[in-house]
Protein backbone atom coordinates (compact mmCIF):
# COMPACT_ATOMS: atom_id res chain seq x y z
CA MET A 1 0.00 0.00 0.00
CA ASN A 2 1.13 3.51 -0.64
CA GLU A 3 1.99 6.12 1.98
CA GLU A 4 -1.31 7.99 1.73
CA VAL A 5 -3.30 4.85 2.48
CA GLU A 6 -0.97 3.94 5.37
CA PHE A 7 -1.39 7.43 6.81
CA CYS A 8 -5.16 7.15 6.43
CA LEU A 9 -5.18 3.81 8.29
CA ASP A 10 -2.94 5.16 11.05
CA SER A 11 -5.19 8.17 11.45
CA ALA A 12 -8.30 5.96 11.65
CA GLU A 13 -6.65 3.74 14.25
CA GLU A 14 -5.61 6.76 16.29
CA ASN A 15 -9.19 8.10 16.26
CA MET A 16 -10.56 4.69 17.28
CA ALA A 17 -8.03 4.44 20.11
CA LYS A 18 -9.08 7.90 21.33
CA SER A 19 -12.70 6.71 21.35
CA ILE A 20 -11.75 3.73 23.52
CA SER A 21 -9.74 5.96 25.84
CA HIS A 22 -12.68 8.35 26.24
CA PHE A 23 -15.03 5.41 26.85
CA GLU A 24 -12.77 4.09 29.62
CA SER A 25 -12.55 7.51 31.27
CA GLU A 26 -16.35 7.84 31.19
CA LEU A 27 -16.72 4.41 32.78
CA LEU A 28 -14.51 5.49 35.68
CA LYS A 29 -17.19 8.02 36.57
CA ILE A 30 -19.81 5.28 36.86
CA SER A 31 -19.70 3.91 40.38
CA ALA A 32 -19.76 0.16 40.87
CA GLY A 33 -20.41 0.61 44.58
CA ARG A 34 -16.78 1.32 45.41
CA ALA A 35 -15.29 4.70 46.19
CA ASN A 36 -13.27 6.21 43.36
CA PRO A 37 -11.92 9.79 43.27
CA GLN A 38 -13.05 10.00 39.61
CA MET A 39 -16.65 10.06 40.90
CA LEU A 40 -16.10 13.72 41.81
CA SER A 41 -14.27 14.67 38.60
CA ASN A 42 -17.17 16.71 37.21
CA VAL A 43 -17.78 18.72 40.40
CA LYS A 44 -17.02 22.44 40.07
CA VAL A 45 -16.53 24.69 43.09
CA ASP A 46 -17.05 28.45 43.34
CA TYR A 47 -13.48 29.39 44.24
CA TYR A 48 -13.44 33.14 44.87
CA GLY A 49 -15.87 33.80 42.03
CA THR A 50 -14.39 31.32 39.54
CA MET A 51 -15.88 27.89 38.86
CA THR A 52 -12.92 25.58 39.49
CA PRO A 53 -12.69 21.77 39.33
CA LEU A 54 -12.82 20.21 42.79
CA THR A 55 -9.46 18.51 42.23
CA GLN A 56 -7.79 21.93 41.98
CA VAL A 57 -8.94 23.14 45.40
CA ALA A 58 -8.89 19.93 47.47
CA ASN A 59 -7.24 16.57 47.89
CA ILE A 60 -9.56 13.60 47.28
CA GLY A 61 -8.74 10.32 48.98
CA THR A 62 -10.22 6.85 49.44
CA PRO A 63 -9.42 5.53 52.92
CA ASP A 64 -11.50 2.41 52.21
CA ALA A 65 -13.75 0.93 49.52
CA ARG A 66 -16.89 2.73 50.71
CA THR A 67 -15.53 6.15 51.72
CA LEU A 68 -14.24 9.24 49.95
CA THR A 69 -12.52 12.07 51.79
CA VAL A 70 -12.25 15.60 50.45
CA GLN A 71 -9.67 17.73 52.23
CA PRO A 72 -9.58 21.36 51.06
CA TRP A 73 -6.30 23.21 50.90
CA GLU A 74 -8.06 26.12 52.62
CA LYS A 75 -10.37 25.27 55.53
CA ALA A 76 -12.54 28.25 54.62
CA MET A 77 -13.59 26.32 51.50
CA LEU A 78 -15.31 23.46 53.42
CA MET A 79 -18.81 24.96 53.10
CA GLU A 80 -18.32 25.73 49.39
CA LEU A 81 -17.08 22.19 48.72
CA ASN A 82 -20.00 20.69 50.60
CA LYS A 83 -22.46 22.84 48.64
CA ALA A 84 -20.80 21.97 45.30
CA ILE A 85 -20.90 18.20 45.96
CA VAL A 86 -24.56 18.32 47.01
CA ASN A 87 -25.48 20.51 44.00
CA ALA A 88 -23.72 18.11 41.60
CA ASN A 89 -26.65 15.67 42.08
CA LEU A 90 -24.41 12.66 42.56
CA GLY A 91 -26.56 11.34 45.39
CA PHE A 92 -23.91 12.04 48.03
CA SER A 93 -24.40 13.81 51.34
CA PRO A 94 -20.98 14.79 52.70
CA MET A 95 -20.32 14.95 56.44
CA ASP A 96 -18.20 17.86 57.65
CA ASN A 97 -15.86 17.10 60.58
CA GLY A 98 -14.26 20.55 60.61
CA GLU A 99 -11.12 19.40 58.78
CA MET A 100 -12.49 17.55 55.74
CA LEU A 101 -15.61 16.19 54.13
CA ILE A 102 -16.33 12.49 54.49
CA ILE A 103 -18.57 10.90 51.88
CA ASN A 104 -19.95 7.44 52.49
CA ILE A 105 -20.75 5.58 49.27
CA PRO A 106 -24.01 3.71 49.83
CA PRO A 107 -24.21 0.09 48.67
CA LEU A 108 -26.00 -0.22 45.34
CA THR A 109 -29.56 -1.48 45.18
CA GLU A 110 -30.58 -3.85 42.40
CA GLU A 111 -32.55 -1.05 40.73
CA ARG A 112 -29.55 1.30 40.85
CA ARG A 113 -27.29 -1.43 39.44
CA ILE A 114 -29.64 -1.88 36.49
CA ASP A 115 -29.66 1.91 35.89
CA LEU A 116 -25.85 1.96 35.96
CA VAL A 117 -25.69 -0.91 33.47
CA LYS A 118 -28.02 1.06 31.15
CA ARG A 119 -25.73 4.10 31.46
CA THR A 120 -22.72 1.91 30.74
CA LYS A 121 -24.40 0.47 27.64
CA ALA A 122 -25.25 3.99 26.46
CA GLU A 123 -21.59 5.01 26.81
CA ALA A 124 -20.57 1.87 24.91
CA GLU A 125 -22.97 2.70 22.08
CA SER A 126 -21.62 6.23 21.91
CA CYS A 127 -18.10 4.78 21.62
CA ARG A 128 -19.21 2.37 18.86
CA VAL A 129 -20.75 5.28 16.95
CA SER A 130 -17.49 7.19 17.25
CA ILE A 131 -15.51 4.20 15.96
CA ARG A 132 -17.90 3.76 13.02
CA SER A 133 -17.54 7.45 12.26
CA ALA A 134 -13.75 7.01 12.10
CA ARG A 135 -14.32 4.06 9.75
CA LYS A 136 -16.57 6.15 7.48
CA ASP A 137 -14.03 8.98 7.36
CA ALA A 138 -11.23 6.55 6.49
CA ASN A 139 -13.31 4.82 3.81
CA ASP A 140 -14.27 8.18 2.27
CA GLU A 141 -10.61 9.16 2.16
CA VAL A 142 -9.63 5.82 0.59
CA LYS A 143 -12.35 6.21 -2.06
CA SER A 144 -11.02 9.68 -2.87
CA PHE A 145 -7.59 8.07 -3.42
CA GLY A 146 -9.32 5.72 -5.88
CA LYS A 147 -10.65 8.68 -7.80
CA ASP A 148 -7.16 10.15 -7.80
CA GLY A 149 -5.72 7.09 -9.52
CA LEU A 150 -5.19 4.45 -6.83
CA PRO A 151 -5.88 1.00 -8.36
CA GLU A 152 -9.25 -0.55 -7.53
CA ASP A 153 -7.63 -3.58 -5.86
CA SER A 154 -5.66 -1.31 -3.55
CA VAL A 155 -8.82 0.61 -2.66
CA LYS A 156 -10.58 -2.68 -1.83
CA ASP A 157 -7.60 -3.89 0.27
CA ALA A 158 -7.53 -0.58 2.17
CA GLU A 159 -11.27 -0.76 2.86
CA ASP A 160 -10.82 -4.32 4.15
CA ALA A 161 -8.00 -3.12 6.42
CA VAL A 162 -10.23 -0.33 7.75
CA GLN A 163 -12.99 -2.86 8.45
CA LYS A 164 -10.56 -5.14 10.31
CA LEU A 165 -9.49 -2.17 12.44
CA THR A 166 -13.13 -1.35 13.13
CA ASP A 167 -13.90 -4.94 14.13
CA LYS A 168 -10.88 -4.99 16.45
CA TYR A 169 -11.93 -1.82 18.27
CA ILE A 170 -15.61 -2.78 18.46
CA ALA A 171 -14.50 -6.07 20.07
CA LYS A 172 -12.47 -4.03 22.60
CA VAL A 173 -15.58 -2.00 23.44
CA GLU A 174 -17.56 -5.21 23.99
CA SER A 175 -14.85 -6.63 26.23
CA ILE A 176 -14.64 -3.46 28.35
CA LEU A 177 -18.45 -3.28 28.53
CA ASN A 178 -18.77 -6.89 29.70
CA ASP A 179 -16.12 -6.37 32.39
CA LYS A 180 -17.86 -3.22 33.67
CA GLU A 181 -21.31 -4.88 33.63
CA ASN A 182 -19.98 -7.82 35.64
CA ASP A 183 -18.33 -5.39 38.05
CA ILE A 184 -21.55 -3.43 38.56
CA MET A 185 -23.80 -6.48 38.93
CA LYS A 186 -21.44 -8.24 41.37
CA VAL A 187 -22.94 -7.87 44.85
């Protein structure tokens, strides 16, 4: 295959890998009943008039599997942090001990587990769509090479290579999804 086709395939693979990476980062935000600092990654705090990510104004820790601790760098921020976590609608009610916030992660009910699996499947579908979009872009580019004089056999081979890449990354999504579902449904 010529350089243009190789570049096209590399670009498609890079985009598919980015989709998988994004999918994995989104799954970290979905709680499987265990405390994970990523659960608070979307929380923004009013830090002297500027909306700032929680991780930039406090240290988040996990002393055990069911507890998160949020220790602000400035004690004056405790009330703001508490308010921001409650307003984030994560279902947490932090306890303030004067030094830090302690968040107990409640055990998941069967209904909540099913909801989390649905969310996980929605994220997986979004990732699949992104991978298919990368495939379409690569195939369009390969077809344009065909119009520019690339032999028909080479175009067909390149399209097959793009499809193999797509199949590989879709299989990765399925594997990650199954692992996360099992993790969520495990009591």
